[in-house]
Amino acid sequence: MKSLVTGCSGLLGHCLTSLLTERGDQVVGFDMVPPADASAGYEFVAGDMRDLDKLRDAARGVDVIYHLAAGQRMKPQFSGLGEEEIFDMNLAGVANAIAVAEELGTPKLVYTSSSGIYGLPQTVPCTESHPTVPLGAYGDSKLEAEELCRQAIDRGLDMMVLRPMSLFGPRMTGVFVILYEWVRTNQFVFTLGSGNNRVQMVSAWDVSDACMKCVEATTDEHFFNIGSDPATVPTVYEQVQALIEHAGSSSRVIRVPASVLRNAARVLDTVKLSPIVPEHYLLADSVFLLDIDRARTELGWEPKRSNVQLMCEAYDWYVDNLDQYTAKPHPVLRLLSALQPGRAG
């Protein structure tokens, strides 16, 4: 089987291309930046999803397009973009992926949307029919893109859409990297709110498996929630404590009132200095769990890693690869880390 993976150099792209090449697939990777591993084992095409001609050339002859590429301000290469630019970039990318698949007659298109389309959970766990009220440009772009997907499906395109929770795995970027660094260096760890809420996560390896299951499955369903087993999700405080214990760290958890976090983030957001996007600070103290029964039943998919396992696994990768991979945390988070008292022991 020949596959095109857009966003191949990202967290999810790395995991999916690894599984596909291990299986023996012929893989073409498409991204704005090359993969970190020069010996990734697949053909790489440098390109922007908004470049329809280049995307079309990369997709010729493939059996499936996995469209993972998306801009988000939490990713270093997109940190300078405004909300409107993020929205336009993501929507254009999906529109072009659909256009290429339809033009070339590609047998299958798999698109990774986001649980961010749901906004503040009104019922828990959220099913695929939960109201969709995104909280920021990223979620808005994903929701608008899903409407393009529905229209394409109605036209006859064989397409499936996944809605994963926050991804963990190798080469992570964003807020959780600084969490790992706090734990690694025995510093205070700050939770967003009391930490008594439960927030589901998902391993990028498990999402990659779900992507591949979409190609194999025969079902009339097209939209699927993807996350760890909701029955095993601990509170945020318990989750962080489990990571600290796993790391053998002397870090201590400091609870920051959610209202303080939200107000500070809003102020920083007005001057484009917030280290977290509205989707994060508005959900800081919410319970957020997805119902994954549809994916289990229709795709034959099952998450292999619990919240604690996937967070600890990603932490171990981070520590093991410090010499060759060090993400640059947001300036505000670096300042917060620098102001902490030394706790090396």
Foldseek 3Di string as FASTA:
>chain_A
DEEEEEPLQDQLNLLLLQVCVVVPYAYEYEYCDDHPDPPSPHHYDHDALLPLVSVLVSPAPGQEYEYEDADDCQDVVRVPDDLVVRLVRLLSNLVSVLVSCVVRVRQEYEYEAAPQQQFFFPDPADEPPHDGDHQTSRSVSSVVSVVVVVVSVVVPHHYAYEHEYAEFDAPDTADVLLLLVCLLQQFAHEAQAPQQAWEWHAYSNLVSVLRVLSVVFDDPDHYFYDTADVVPTGGRVVLSVLLSVLSVGNYHYDYDHLVVVLVVQVVCVVVSQRSDDRSDSVCRRGHYHHDGVCSCPGSVGHGPAGSNRRSNNRSVSCVVCVVPDDYDGRPVSVVVVVPTDRDND
